[in-house]
């Protein structure tokens, strides 16, 4: 028997901006201020993790081979998988602001 645990989660991270200066940059470039929320660039909606322990007790060799040599050990396996980041349309800024990224959210797309 291989005891373990498996868990999964789904979450949504939305907001008005992904960086503290995103609205400031948008206003400096003459774009309208937005009040709608969109997926943030760091949003990873699906995460799955599993922990499994494989144990061979003392005196019971695996598949009956190597008794006294290949016994009394445990193998721990951790599996973690997550989806890629959600797609948020981004545009290259003609006048890059070096305090933030050269790309800004294009919420009009």
Protein backbone atom coordinates (compact mmCIF):
# COMPACT_ATOMS: atom_id res chain seq x y z
CA UNK A 1 0.00 0.00 0.00
CA UNK A 2 1.18 3.52 -0.81
CA UNK A 3 -0.35 6.08 1.56
CA UNK A 4 -0.51 9.66 0.42
CA UNK A 5 -2.60 12.72 -0.18
CA UNK A 6 -3.76 14.50 -3.31
CA UNK A 7 -5.15 18.03 -3.35
CA UNK A 8 -6.23 20.48 -6.02
CA UNK A 9 -7.35 24.09 -6.05
CA UNK A 10 -8.83 26.59 -8.45
CA UNK A 11 -8.57 30.30 -7.79
CA UNK A 12 -8.99 33.54 -9.66
CA UNK A 13 -6.91 36.67 -8.96
CA UNK A 14 -8.42 39.78 -10.49
CA UNK A 15 -7.75 43.43 -9.92
CA UNK A 16 -7.45 46.85 -11.48
CA UNK A 17 -3.65 46.71 -11.91
CA UNK A 18 -0.85 44.18 -11.55
CA UNK A 19 1.78 46.68 -10.41
CA UNK A 20 1.55 49.71 -8.08
CA UNK A 21 2.46 52.15 -10.86
CA UNK A 22 0.32 50.74 -13.67
CA UNK A 23 -2.49 53.31 -13.31
CA UNK A 24 0.02 56.16 -13.08
CA UNK A 25 1.70 55.06 -16.32
CA UNK A 26 -1.68 54.65 -18.01
CA UNK A 27 -2.72 58.22 -17.05
CA UNK A 28 0.66 59.66 -18.15
CA UNK A 29 0.13 58.12 -21.59
CA UNK A 30 -3.32 59.67 -21.90
CA UNK A 31 -5.25 56.43 -21.53
CA UNK A 32 -8.56 56.50 -19.66
CA UNK A 33 -8.66 55.26 -16.08
CA UNK A 34 -10.34 51.88 -15.89
CA UNK A 35 -12.70 50.67 -13.19
CA UNK A 36 -13.19 47.12 -14.43
CA UNK A 37 -11.17 44.23 -13.08
CA UNK A 38 -9.13 41.88 -15.24
CA UNK A 39 -6.98 38.80 -14.52
CA UNK A 40 -3.70 39.85 -12.92
CA UNK A 41 -0.43 38.85 -14.61
CA UNK A 42 0.59 36.64 -11.68
CA UNK A 43 -2.70 34.68 -11.63
CA UNK A 44 -2.18 30.89 -11.74
CA UNK A 45 -5.68 29.44 -11.53
CA UNK A 46 -5.07 25.67 -11.24
CA UNK A 47 -2.74 24.01 -8.73
CA UNK A 48 -2.49 20.28 -7.96
CA UNK A 49 -0.17 18.69 -5.41
CA UNK A 50 0.35 15.16 -4.18
CA UNK A 51 2.43 13.57 -1.43
CA UNK A 52 3.11 9.84 -1.50
CA UNK A 53 5.18 7.58 0.77
CA UNK A 54 6.33 4.15 -0.36
CA UNK A 55 7.58 2.01 2.53
CA UNK A 56 9.19 -1.44 2.57
CA UNK A 57 9.11 -2.81 6.15
CA UNK A 58 12.04 -4.59 7.80
CA UNK A 59 12.21 -8.26 6.86
CA UNK A 60 9.95 -7.89 3.79
CA UNK A 61 12.07 -7.29 0.71
CA UNK A 62 10.51 -5.74 -2.36
CA UNK A 63 9.17 -8.48 -4.66
CA UNK A 64 10.87 -11.06 -2.41
CA UNK A 65 14.32 -10.15 -3.74
CA UNK A 66 17.27 -9.11 -1.56
CA UNK A 67 15.77 -9.95 1.82
CA UNK A 68 17.89 -8.35 4.53
CA UNK A 69 19.48 -6.01 1.97
CA UNK A 70 16.64 -4.32 0.11
CA UNK A 71 14.28 -3.84 3.04
CA UNK A 72 13.53 -1.30 5.76
CA UNK A 73 13.44 1.86 3.63
CA UNK A 74 10.98 4.55 2.64
CA UNK A 75 10.65 6.64 -0.48
CA UNK A 76 8.85 9.98 -0.31
CA UNK A 77 7.56 11.59 -3.50
CA UNK A 78 6.09 15.09 -3.77
CA UNK A 79 4.41 16.16 -6.99
CA UNK A 80 3.39 19.76 -7.67
CA UNK A 81 1.79 20.98 -10.90
CA UNK A 82 0.31 24.37 -11.69
CA UNK A 83 -1.11 25.99 -14.77
CA UNK A 84 0.62 28.75 -16.63
CA UNK A 85 -0.23 32.36 -16.04
CA UNK A 86 -3.55 33.62 -17.30
CA UNK A 87 -3.35 35.66 -20.48
CA UNK A 88 -3.65 39.42 -20.00
CA UNK A 89 -3.24 41.49 -23.17
CA UNK A 90 -0.10 43.66 -22.87
CA UNK A 91 1.30 46.34 -25.17
CA UNK A 92 4.84 47.63 -25.52
CA UNK A 93 5.13 51.16 -24.16
CA UNK A 94 6.69 53.62 -26.63
CA UNK A 95 8.06 55.64 -23.70
CA UNK A 96 9.25 53.01 -21.25
CA UNK A 97 9.02 53.84 -17.58
CA UNK A 98 12.17 52.30 -16.06
CA UNK A 99 10.52 51.98 -12.65
CA UNK A 100 8.11 49.37 -14.03
CA UNK A 101 7.95 46.99 -16.96
CA UNK A 102 8.19 48.30 -20.55
CA UNK A 103 4.86 46.54 -21.15
CA UNK A 104 1.51 47.79 -19.89
CA UNK A 105 -1.89 46.11 -19.73
CA UNK A 106 -3.96 46.63 -22.84
CA UNK A 107 -7.44 46.38 -21.36
CA UNK A 108 -9.05 47.61 -24.57
CA UNK A 109 -8.06 44.43 -26.43
